[in-house]
């Protein structure tokens, strides 16, 4: 059996743009990624790059406008009803805000067992699974008879994780699962995720803007910009030697301070972020890239393998470096934006 659990092939997803005369916002553009058994693939990028849209496509909350979504090699792009049930069981999602994902009128027990009922799990097995997963996330069994408002934010996120685990999935889609939590609670949830992955051999599709968390948790990282993937690499390789100029700029936001400076070296990206309703014909990053040529502005670079395990969508891969990053001057000039992860 293939190690690939979930496969995105040329996935695109459009939204209708309000007030634009029928124009479409291209939230995802030709995304091709795979998530393998037992690994953590993180997806990073600035707000609005399409990370959360990709997460919702993965669990078929959104149906792709273009491309193919495969679960263990089976095309589930437009499946429904019983045909979609294997994906519903095998791929579960944990949302960013547990306050919004848990029904305040339901006890924890009902929140966990209702999806099991929908998945066709026998009634006699549901109670046992609820007790099993609530203990696994570090909460007492009597928590099952309480309501979400009786718990802290970190405890509510543990309940959301328990609900996702109850179906015994192979893959968890984690959409910013710690960003709404205090730093100390974030560490607890991250450690819980690592321990759970080791025990259950789970795969994670981890969506985040926190590069420190990504570095801690991930096996591989995919970098997205304006709906497309611009670089994919093993975590250690990506942080040690980013190949795409945008990745270089993104990682510059989390580097150690330069000796004696007291502040990190950051890139000041000039130019405006293109509109998702009117993407340029060439590289989407060309307007902000300090290495851009006429080819970059007119010919879209494909995502190609430049080394084993490394893919880059750039006409000049590996030429960008920290030493030639444009630096912010004072409060910044008009049209100059400091990149932040």
Foldseek 3Di string as FASTA:
>chain_A
DFQWFKWWAQFWAWDADPPPVRFIFTQAGGATDTFGFLFEEEEAEDPSLNLVVVLCCQLPVDQTPDTFMDGVRHTCNPDDDPVSLLSNLAEEEQEAFLVVVFDQVAFLLCLQQVVVVVSVNDPVCSLVLLCVLLVLLPHHSVSRRHGPVVDDRLSSSSSSVSSRCSSVHQEYEYANNPPVDDPVSSVSVLVSVVVVCVVSSHIYHYYDHDVVSCLVRGQKYFYGGSNYTFKIAGSVCCLVAPWDQVSQQASQQPDDCDPPPPHGFHAWFFADQDGSSDQFQADSCQRRDPPHDPNRRHHHFDFDDPDVRMTGRDPRTRPDDSVPGHGADDPHDPRIHIDYD
